[in-house]
C-alpha atoms as a PDB file:
ATOM      1  CA  UNK A   1     -15.402  17.570  -0.261  1.00  0.00           C
ATOM      2  CA  UNK A   2     -12.543  16.298   0.852  1.00  0.00           C
ATOM      3  CA  UNK A   3      -8.873  17.903   1.013  1.00  0.00           C
ATOM      4  CA  UNK A   4      -6.702  16.761  -2.153  1.00  0.00           C
ATOM      5  CA  UNK A   5      -3.720  16.164   0.273  1.00  0.00           C
ATOM      6  CA  UNK A   6      -5.296  13.718   1.834  1.00  0.00           C
ATOM      7  CA  UNK A   7      -6.018  10.953  -0.868  1.00  0.00           C
ATOM      8  CA  UNK A   8      -3.927   8.400  -1.702  1.00  0.00           C
ATOM      9  CA  UNK A   9      -3.126   7.388  -5.098  1.00  0.00           C
ATOM     10  CA  UNK A  10      -1.116   4.164  -6.270  1.00  0.00           C
ATOM     11  CA  UNK A  11       0.150   4.183  -9.722  1.00  0.00           C
ATOM     12  CA  UNK A  12       1.156   1.031 -10.548  1.00  0.00           C
ATOM     13  CA  UNK A  13       3.455   0.416 -13.473  1.00  0.00           C
ATOM     14  CA  UNK A  14       3.142  -3.497 -14.795  1.00  0.00           C
ATOM     15  CA  UNK A  15       6.255  -5.044 -16.435  1.00  0.00           C
ATOM     16  CA  UNK A  16       8.077  -7.579 -17.833  1.00  0.00           C
ATOM     17  CA  UNK A  17      12.012  -7.806 -19.052  1.00  0.00           C
ATOM     18  CA  UNK A  18      12.006  -3.700 -18.882  1.00  0.00           C
ATOM     19  CA  UNK A  19      15.606  -3.384 -17.868  1.00  0.00           C
ATOM     20  CA  UNK A  20      16.205  -0.689 -21.133  1.00  0.00           C
ATOM     21  CA  UNK A  21      13.140   1.880 -20.116  1.00  0.00           C
ATOM     22  CA  UNK A  22      12.346   1.178 -15.940  1.00  0.00           C
ATOM     23  CA  UNK A  23      14.504   3.561 -14.951  1.00  0.00           C
ATOM     24  CA  UNK A  24      13.836   6.255 -17.292  1.00  0.00           C
ATOM     25  CA  UNK A  25      10.288   5.764 -17.147  1.00  0.00           C
ATOM     26  CA  UNK A  26       9.751   5.946 -13.160  1.00  0.00           C
ATOM     27  CA  UNK A  27      12.205   8.960 -13.258  1.00  0.00           C
ATOM     28  CA  UNK A  28      10.091  10.893 -15.640  1.00  0.00           C
ATOM     29  CA  UNK A  29       6.715   9.978 -14.236  1.00  0.00           C
ATOM     30  CA  UNK A  30       8.519  10.811 -10.579  1.00  0.00           C
ATOM     31  CA  UNK A  31       8.887  14.510 -11.719  1.00  0.00           C
ATOM     32  CA  UNK A  32       5.704  14.643 -13.196  1.00  0.00           C
ATOM     33  CA  UNK A  33       4.381  13.834 -10.118  1.00  0.00           C
ATOM     34  CA  UNK A  34       6.207  16.081  -7.973  1.00  0.00           C
ATOM     35  CA  UNK A  35       5.432  18.979  -9.931  1.00  0.00           C
ATOM     36  CA  UNK A  36       1.747  18.253 -11.063  1.00  0.00           C
ATOM     37  CA  UNK A  37       0.012  17.064  -8.026  1.00  0.00           C
ATOM     38  CA  UNK A  38      -1.069  17.866  -4.404  1.00  0.00           C
ATOM     39  CA  UNK A  39      -2.329  14.506  -3.411  1.00  0.00           C
ATOM     40  CA  UNK A  40      -0.173  11.730  -1.526  1.00  0.00           C
ATOM     41  CA  UNK A  41       1.356   9.080  -4.078  1.00  0.00           C
ATOM     42  CA  UNK A  42       3.244   5.772  -4.535  1.00  0.00           C
ATOM     43  CA  UNK A  43       4.587   4.476  -7.881  1.00  0.00           C
ATOM     44  CA  UNK A  44       4.084   0.771  -7.431  1.00  0.00           C
ATOM     45  CA  UNK A  45       6.647  -1.563 -10.179  1.00  0.00           C
ATOM     46  CA  UNK A  46       4.828  -4.857 -10.428  1.00  0.00           C
ATOM     47  CA  UNK A  47       7.281  -7.178 -11.834  1.00  0.00           C
ATOM     48  CA  UNK A  48       5.707  -9.746 -13.867  1.00  0.00           C
ATOM     49  CA  UNK A  49       8.351 -12.955 -13.711  1.00  0.00           C
ATOM     50  CA  UNK A  50      11.066 -10.964 -15.073  1.00  0.00           C
ATOM     51  CA  UNK A  51      14.177 -12.783 -16.624  1.00  0.00           C
ATOM     52  CA  UNK A  52      16.569  -9.509 -17.126  1.00  0.00           C
ATOM     53  CA  UNK A  53      17.423  -7.369 -14.054  1.00  0.00           C
ATOM     54  CA  UNK A  54      14.102  -5.624 -14.151  1.00  0.00           C
ATOM     55  CA  UNK A  55      13.467  -6.788 -10.840  1.00  0.00           C
ATOM     56  CA  UNK A  56      16.754  -5.697  -9.169  1.00  0.00           C
ATOM     57  CA  UNK A  57      16.341  -2.302 -11.087  1.00  0.00           C
ATOM     58  CA  UNK A  58      12.921  -2.072  -9.260  1.00  0.00           C
ATOM     59  CA  UNK A  59      14.736  -3.004  -5.599  1.00  0.00           C
ATOM     60  CA  UNK A  60      16.987  -0.118  -6.515  1.00  0.00           C
ATOM     61  CA  UNK A  61      14.811   2.541  -7.194  1.00  0.00           C
ATOM     62  CA  UNK A  62      13.068   1.830  -4.300  1.00  0.00           C
ATOM     63  CA  UNK A  63      15.970   2.231  -2.106  1.00  0.00           C
ATOM     64  CA  UNK A  64      16.723   5.389  -3.745  1.00  0.00           C
ATOM     65  CA  UNK A  65      13.293   6.531  -3.106  1.00  0.00           C
ATOM     66  CA  UNK A  66      11.675   5.672  -0.023  1.00  0.00           C
ATOM     67  CA  UNK A  67       7.917   6.141   0.172  1.00  0.00           C
ATOM     68  CA  UNK A  68       7.494   7.275  -3.487  1.00  0.00           C
ATOM     69  CA  UNK A  69       8.807   4.057  -5.686  1.00  0.00           C
ATOM     70  CA  UNK A  70       8.213   0.799  -4.350  1.00  0.00           C
ATOM     71  CA  UNK A  71       7.673  -2.674  -6.225  1.00  0.00           C
ATOM     72  CA  UNK A  72       6.070  -6.109  -5.849  1.00  0.00           C
ATOM     73  CA  UNK A  73       7.043  -9.662  -7.618  1.00  0.00           C
ATOM     74  CA  UNK A  74       4.821 -11.894  -8.999  1.00  0.00           C
ATOM     75  CA  UNK A  75       6.440 -15.755 -10.034  1.00  0.00           C
ATOM     76  CA  UNK A  76       3.993 -15.682 -13.310  1.00  0.00           C
ATOM     77  CA  UNK A  77       3.456 -13.546 -16.336  1.00  0.00           C
ATOM     78  CA  UNK A  78       0.375 -11.079 -17.121  1.00  0.00           C
ATOM     79  CA  UNK A  79      -0.765  -7.918 -16.642  1.00  0.00           C
ATOM     80  CA  UNK A  80      -4.040  -8.377 -15.348  1.00  0.00           C
ATOM     81  CA  UNK A  81      -2.504 -10.848 -12.784  1.00  0.00           C
ATOM     82  CA  UNK A  82      -0.131  -7.661 -11.621  1.00  0.00           C
ATOM     83  CA  UNK A  83      -2.719  -5.239 -11.440  1.00  0.00           C
ATOM     84  CA  UNK A  84      -4.629  -7.639  -9.243  1.00  0.00           C
ATOM     85  CA  UNK A  85      -2.128  -8.094  -6.857  1.00  0.00           C
ATOM     86  CA  UNK A  86      -1.317  -4.530  -6.705  1.00  0.00           C
ATOM     87  CA  UNK A  87      -4.244  -2.912  -6.321  1.00  0.00           C
ATOM     88  CA  UNK A  88      -6.262  -5.335  -3.797  1.00  0.00           C
ATOM     89  CA  UNK A  89      -3.491  -5.715  -1.770  1.00  0.00           C
ATOM     90  CA  UNK A  90      -3.169  -2.084  -1.911  1.00  0.00           C
ATOM     91  CA  UNK A  91      -5.169   1.148   1.030  1.00  0.00           C
ATOM     92  CA  UNK A  92      -4.878   3.867  -1.359  1.00  0.00           C
ATOM     93  CA  UNK A  93      -7.772   5.555  -2.376  1.00  0.00           C
ATOM     94  CA  UNK A  94      -7.226   5.423  -5.845  1.00  0.00           C
ATOM     95  CA  UNK A  95      -5.507   2.850  -7.877  1.00  0.00           C
ATOM     96  CA  UNK A  96      -4.338   3.544 -11.288  1.00  0.00           C
ATOM     97  CA  UNK A  97      -2.064   2.117 -13.641  1.00  0.00           C
ATOM     98  CA  UNK A  98       0.080   3.356 -16.633  1.00  0.00           C
ATOM     99  CA  UNK A  99       2.326   1.417 -18.918  1.00  0.00           C
ATOM    100  CA  UNK A 100       5.838   1.301 -18.606  1.00  0.00           C
ATOM    101  CA  UNK A 101       6.778   3.047 -21.794  1.00  0.00           C
ATOM    102  CA  UNK A 102       4.517   6.177 -21.359  1.00  0.00           C
ATOM    103  CA  UNK A 103       2.700   5.917 -24.436  1.00  0.00           C
ATOM    104  CA  UNK A 104      -0.110   8.541 -22.753  1.00  0.00           C
ATOM    105  CA  UNK A 105       1.369  11.798 -22.531  1.00  0.00           C
ATOM    106  CA  UNK A 106       1.203  12.406 -18.576  1.00  0.00           C
ATOM    107  CA  UNK A 107      -0.417  15.716 -18.893  1.00  0.00           C
ATOM    108  CA  UNK A 108      -3.902  13.400 -19.173  1.00  0.00           C
ATOM    109  CA  UNK A 109      -2.503  11.644 -15.287  1.00  0.00           C
ATOM    110  CA  UNK A 110      -4.379  15.073 -13.345  1.00  0.00           C
ATOM    111  CA  UNK A 111      -7.769  15.190 -14.851  1.00  0.00           C
ATOM    112  CA  UNK A 112      -7.824  11.103 -14.141  1.00  0.00           C
ATOM    113  CA  UNK A 113      -7.376  11.117 -11.133  1.00  0.00           C
ATOM    114  CA  UNK A 114      -9.376  14.176 -10.265  1.00  0.00           C
ATOM    115  CA  UNK A 115     -12.248  12.685 -12.145  1.00  0.00           C
ATOM    116  CA  UNK A 116     -12.619  10.088  -9.092  1.00  0.00           C
ATOM    117  CA  UNK A 117     -12.613  12.370  -6.074  1.00  0.00           C
ATOM    118  CA  UNK A 118     -15.632  13.381  -4.571  1.00  0.00           C
ATOM    119  CA  UNK A 119     -17.731  12.809  -7.918  1.00  0.00           C
ATOM    120  CA  UNK A 120     -19.887  10.563  -9.330  1.00  0.00           C
ATOM    121  CA  UNK A 121     -17.210   8.363 -11.105  1.00  0.00           C
ATOM    122  CA  UNK A 122     -15.393   5.058  -9.409  1.00  0.00           C
ATOM    123  CA  UNK A 123     -13.911   4.176 -13.080  1.00  0.00           C
ATOM    124  CA  UNK A 124     -11.749   6.781 -14.973  1.00  0.00           C
ATOM    125  CA  UNK A 125      -9.642   5.824 -18.546  1.00  0.00           C
ATOM    126  CA  UNK A 126      -7.568   7.007 -21.228  1.00  0.00           C
ATOM    127  CA  UNK A 127      -8.858   7.087 -24.953  1.00  0.00           C
ATOM    128  CA  UNK A 128      -7.329   7.290 -27.862  1.00  0.00           C
ATOM    129  CA  UNK A 129     -11.222   7.557 -29.746  1.00  0.00           C
ATOM    130  CA  UNK A 130     -12.410  10.360 -27.744  1.00  0.00           C
ATOM    131  CA  UNK A 131     -12.874  13.745 -29.621  1.00  0.00           C
ATOM    132  CA  UNK A 132     -10.010  15.967 -28.720  1.00  0.00           C
ATOM    133  CA  UNK A 133      -7.604  12.689 -28.720  1.00  0.00           C
ATOM    134  CA  UNK A 134      -4.078  12.576 -30.549  1.00  0.00           C
ATOM    135  CA  UNK A 135      -2.739   9.674 -31.725  1.00  0.00           C
ATOM    136  CA  UNK A 136       0.097   8.868 -33.497  1.00  0.00           C
ATOM    137  CA  UNK A 137       0.445   4.750 -34.432  1.00  0.00           C
ATOM    138  CA  UNK A 138       0.785   2.332 -37.237  1.00  0.00           C
ATOM    139  CA  UNK A 139      -2.014   1.701 -39.779  1.00  0.00           C
ATOM    140  CA  UNK A 140      -1.728  -2.386 -38.672  1.00  0.00           C
ATOM    141  CA  UNK A 141      -2.606  -0.550 -35.095  1.00  0.00           C
ATOM    142  CA  UNK A 142      -4.975   1.521 -35.698  1.00  0.00           C
ATOM    143  CA  UNK A 143      -7.453  -1.210 -37.778  1.00  0.00           C
ATOM    144  CA  UNK A 144      -7.241  -3.523 -35.077  1.00  0.00           C
ATOM    145  CA  UNK A 145      -7.598  -1.277 -32.085  1.00  0.00           C
ATOM    146  CA  UNK A 146     -10.914   0.589 -34.224  1.00  0.00           C
ATOM    147  CA  UNK A 147     -12.320  -3.302 -34.982  1.00  0.00           C
ATOM    148  CA  UNK A 148     -12.054  -4.235 -31.747  1.00  0.00           C
ATOM    149  CA  UNK A 149     -14.167  -1.366 -30.138  1.00  0.00           C
ATOM    150  CA  UNK A 150     -16.551  -1.672 -32.692  1.00  0.00           C
ATOM    151  CA  UNK A 151     -16.712  -5.388 -32.218  1.00  0.00           C
ATOM    152  CA  UNK A 152     -16.941  -4.666 -28.147  1.00  0.00           C
ATOM    153  CA  UNK A 153     -19.927  -1.846 -29.627  1.00  0.00           C
ATOM    154  CA  UNK A 154     -21.746  -4.254 -31.406  1.00  0.00           C
ATOM    155  CA  UNK A 155     -21.619  -7.181 -28.609  1.00  0.00           C
ATOM    156  CA  UNK A 156     -22.664  -5.141 -25.679  1.00  0.00           C
ATOM    157  CA  UNK A 157     -23.944  -1.395 -26.327  1.00  0.00           C
ATOM    158  CA  UNK A 158     -21.349  -0.122 -24.290  1.00  0.00           C
ATOM    159  CA  UNK A 159     -20.582   3.506 -23.221  1.00  0.00           C
ATOM    160  CA  UNK A 160     -16.988   3.782 -23.479  1.00  0.00           C
ATOM    161  CA  UNK A 161     -14.902   4.390 -26.127  1.00  0.00           C
ATOM    162  CA  UNK A 162     -11.301   3.004 -25.583  1.00  0.00           C
ATOM    163  CA  UNK A 163     -11.317  -0.465 -23.729  1.00  0.00           C
ATOM    164  CA  UNK A 164      -7.536  -1.203 -23.839  1.00  0.00           C
ATOM    165  CA  UNK A 165      -5.331   1.923 -23.418  1.00  0.00           C
ATOM    166  CA  UNK A 166      -2.827   1.223 -20.821  1.00  0.00           C
ATOM    167  CA  UNK A 167      -4.277   4.259 -18.549  1.00  0.00           C
ATOM    168  CA  UNK A 168      -6.723   3.991 -15.989  1.00  0.00           C
ATOM    169  CA  UNK A 169      -7.824   4.747 -12.696  1.00  0.00           C
ATOM    170  CA  UNK A 170     -10.426   3.084 -10.117  1.00  0.00           C
ATOM    171  CA  UNK A 171     -11.694   3.857  -6.618  1.00  0.00           C
ATOM    172  CA  UNK A 172     -11.036   1.676  -4.089  1.00  0.00           C
ATOM    173  CA  UNK A 173     -14.517   0.640  -4.071  1.00  0.00           C
ATOM    174  CA  UNK A 174     -14.424  -0.219  -7.237  1.00  0.00           C
ATOM    175  CA  UNK A 175     -11.397  -2.403  -6.885  1.00  0.00           C
ATOM    176  CA  UNK A 176     -13.152  -4.474  -4.279  1.00  0.00           C
ATOM    177  CA  UNK A 177     -16.435  -4.973  -6.304  1.00  0.00           C
ATOM    178  CA  UNK A 178     -14.925  -5.574  -9.597  1.00  0.00           C
ATOM    179  CA  UNK A 179     -11.827  -7.259  -9.533  1.00  0.00           C
ATOM    180  CA  UNK A 180     -12.807 -10.727  -7.634  1.00  0.00           C
ATOM    181  CA  UNK A 181     -15.214 -10.783 -10.809  1.00  0.00           C
ATOM    182  CA  UNK A 182     -12.414 -10.833 -13.303  1.00  0.00           C
ATOM    183  CA  UNK A 183     -11.258 -14.095 -14.799  1.00  0.00           C
ATOM    184  CA  UNK A 184      -8.535 -12.593 -16.986  1.00  0.00           C
ATOM    185  CA  UNK A 185      -5.210 -12.869 -15.711  1.00  0.00           C
ATOM    186  CA  UNK A 186      -3.417 -11.122 -18.684  1.00  0.00           C
ATOM    187  CA  UNK A 187      -4.224  -8.179 -21.801  1.00  0.00           C
ATOM    188  CA  UNK A 188      -8.175  -8.723 -21.765  1.00  0.00           C
ATOM    189  CA  UNK A 189      -8.171  -7.570 -18.113  1.00  0.00           C
ATOM    190  CA  UNK A 190      -8.912  -4.370 -18.976  1.00  0.00           C
ATOM    191  CA  UNK A 191     -11.676  -4.544 -21.203  1.00  0.00           C
ATOM    192  CA  UNK A 192     -13.475  -7.148 -18.972  1.00  0.00           C
ATOM    193  CA  UNK A 193     -12.996  -4.312 -15.824  1.00  0.00           C
ATOM    194  CA  UNK A 194     -14.987  -2.165 -18.328  1.00  0.00           C
ATOM    195  CA  UNK A 195     -17.613  -4.325 -19.088  1.00  0.00           C
ATOM    196  CA  UNK A 196     -18.037  -5.522 -15.960  1.00  0.00           C
ATOM    197  CA  UNK A 197     -18.178  -2.061 -14.340  1.00  0.00           C
ATOM    198  CA  UNK A 198     -20.874  -1.221 -16.685  1.00  0.00           C
ATOM    199  CA  UNK A 199     -22.511  -4.455 -15.950  1.00  0.00           C
ATOM    200  CA  UNK A 200     -22.684  -3.482 -12.416  1.00  0.00           C
ATOM    201  CA  UNK A 201     -23.763   0.553 -12.922  1.00  0.00           C
ATOM    202  CA  UNK A 202     -20.688   2.249 -12.962  1.00  0.00           C
ATOM    203  CA  UNK A 203     -20.177   5.338 -14.862  1.00  0.00           C
ATOM    204  CA  UNK A 204     -16.865   5.679 -16.534  1.00  0.00           C
ATOM    205  CA  UNK A 205     -14.844   9.051 -17.191  1.00  0.00           C
ATOM    206  CA  UNK A 206     -12.865   9.191 -20.272  1.00  0.00           C
ATOM    207  CA  UNK A 207      -9.982  11.407 -20.760  1.00  0.00           C
ATOM    208  CA  UNK A 208      -9.063  12.260 -24.542  1.00  0.00           C
ATOM    209  CA  UNK A 209      -5.146  11.792 -24.341  1.00  0.00           C
ATOM    210  CA  UNK A 210      -2.271  12.593 -26.810  1.00  0.00           C
ATOM    211  CA  UNK A 211      -0.738   8.491 -27.456  1.00  0.00           C
ATOM    212  CA  UNK A 212       2.353   7.523 -29.426  1.00  0.00           C
ATOM    213  CA  UNK A 213       2.737   3.930 -30.562  1.00  0.00           C
ATOM    214  CA  UNK A 214       5.856   2.753 -29.057  1.00  0.00           C
ATOM    215  CA  UNK A 215       7.845   0.859 -31.975  1.00  0.00           C
ATOM    216  CA  UNK A 216       9.795  -1.246 -29.753  1.00  0.00           C
ATOM    217  CA  UNK A 217       6.689  -3.158 -28.133  1.00  0.00           C
ATOM    218  CA  UNK A 218       6.862  -6.383 -27.997  1.00  0.00           C
ATOM    219  CA  UNK A 219       3.320  -6.890 -27.605  1.00  0.00           C
ATOM    220  CA  UNK A 220       1.905  -9.554 -30.471  1.00  0.00           C
ATOM    221  CA  UNK A 221      -1.239  -7.409 -31.498  1.00  0.00           C
ATOM    222  CA  UNK A 222      -2.482 -10.487 -33.367  1.00  0.00           C
ATOM    223  CA  UNK A 223      -2.500 -12.769 -30.578  1.00  0.00           C
ATOM    224  CA  UNK A 224      -3.179 -10.452 -28.119  1.00  0.00           C
ATOM    225  CA  UNK A 225      -6.638  -9.506 -29.928  1.00  0.00           C
ATOM    226  CA  UNK A 226      -7.821 -13.080 -30.870  1.00  0.00           C
ATOM    227  CA  UNK A 227      -7.498 -13.675 -27.400  1.00  0.00           C
ATOM    228  CA  UNK A 228      -9.697 -10.492 -26.420  1.00  0.00           C
ATOM    229  CA  UNK A 229     -12.272 -11.769 -28.888  1.00  0.00           C
ATOM    230  CA  UNK A 230     -12.309 -14.687 -27.026  1.00  0.00           C
ATOM    231  CA  UNK A 231     -12.976 -13.075 -23.591  1.00  0.00           C
ATOM    232  CA  UNK A 232     -15.218 -10.695 -24.889  1.00  0.00           C
ATOM    233  CA  UNK A 233     -17.521 -13.794 -26.175  1.00  0.00           C
ATOM    234  CA  UNK A 234     -16.952 -15.277 -22.204  1.00  0.00           C
ATOM    235  CA  UNK A 235     -17.929 -12.151 -20.750  1.00  0.00           C
ATOM    236  CA  UNK A 236     -21.227 -11.774 -23.555  1.00  0.00           C
ATOM    237  CA  UNK A 237     -22.736 -14.898 -21.824  1.00  0.00           C
ATOM    238  CA  UNK A 238     -21.593 -14.908 -18.406  1.00  0.00           C
ATOM    239  CA  UNK A 239     -24.190 -13.974 -15.872  1.00  0.00           C
ATOM    240  CA  UNK A 240     -21.245 -12.556 -13.885  1.00  0.00           C
ATOM    241  CA  UNK A 241     -22.221  -9.188 -12.340  1.00  0.00           C
ATOM    242  CA  UNK A 242     -25.872  -9.177 -13.747  1.00  0.00           C
ATOM    243  CA  UNK A 243     -29.048  -8.981 -11.895  1.00  0.00           C
ATOM    244  CA  UNK A 244     -31.016 -11.718 -11.421  1.00  0.00           C
ATOM    245  CA  UNK A 245     -35.244 -11.907 -10.363  1.00  0.00           C
END
């Protein structure tokens, strides 16, 4: 069994025009990690071509907290693109990410990471639909989320319950095998990651989470859902990750 103090974890926060919330969220996350985990950790701010002061704030935070906070910058938008770069260029043992609004209560983070240390799991996700989860969100988002996850279940007979919760972790082994196969560069990255993981035989650990809707979220739910549906059909009829012969 590995000494958890030797395990290295990257916590990636993808951001686009988040000058309002970035510093507060990073401070909250940093304080939580200092007080509640005993492995080595690093917060990685992944800036997706922001047009406000987000990149400047990320640079300031990395100077203020050397070794604990760093950043990367991409010239193109896309959460999937940001995660791909941050994860594949890291040498950490476990790669994770969470949304900058910290909608998912951080109490779920230690069990998320612990499930990947010396276990049979290489992928772990927060779930708003698993028994024990506590969720506060508007009716429209609730209905769209449940319909989307139902469609996935009907198309793939998958075992995981919540594809799109912005709270996930994977081992470096899983990153090396799965991420190069993912085509999406935006919001569908999450779903494609999980579907390919199951197709390749990975077991997915789920942590029920406390989650609250961010009323200031700029995500266009309907447009994102439509792009996700198109992504589902692409993966469904793709041979990527399927065994041949």
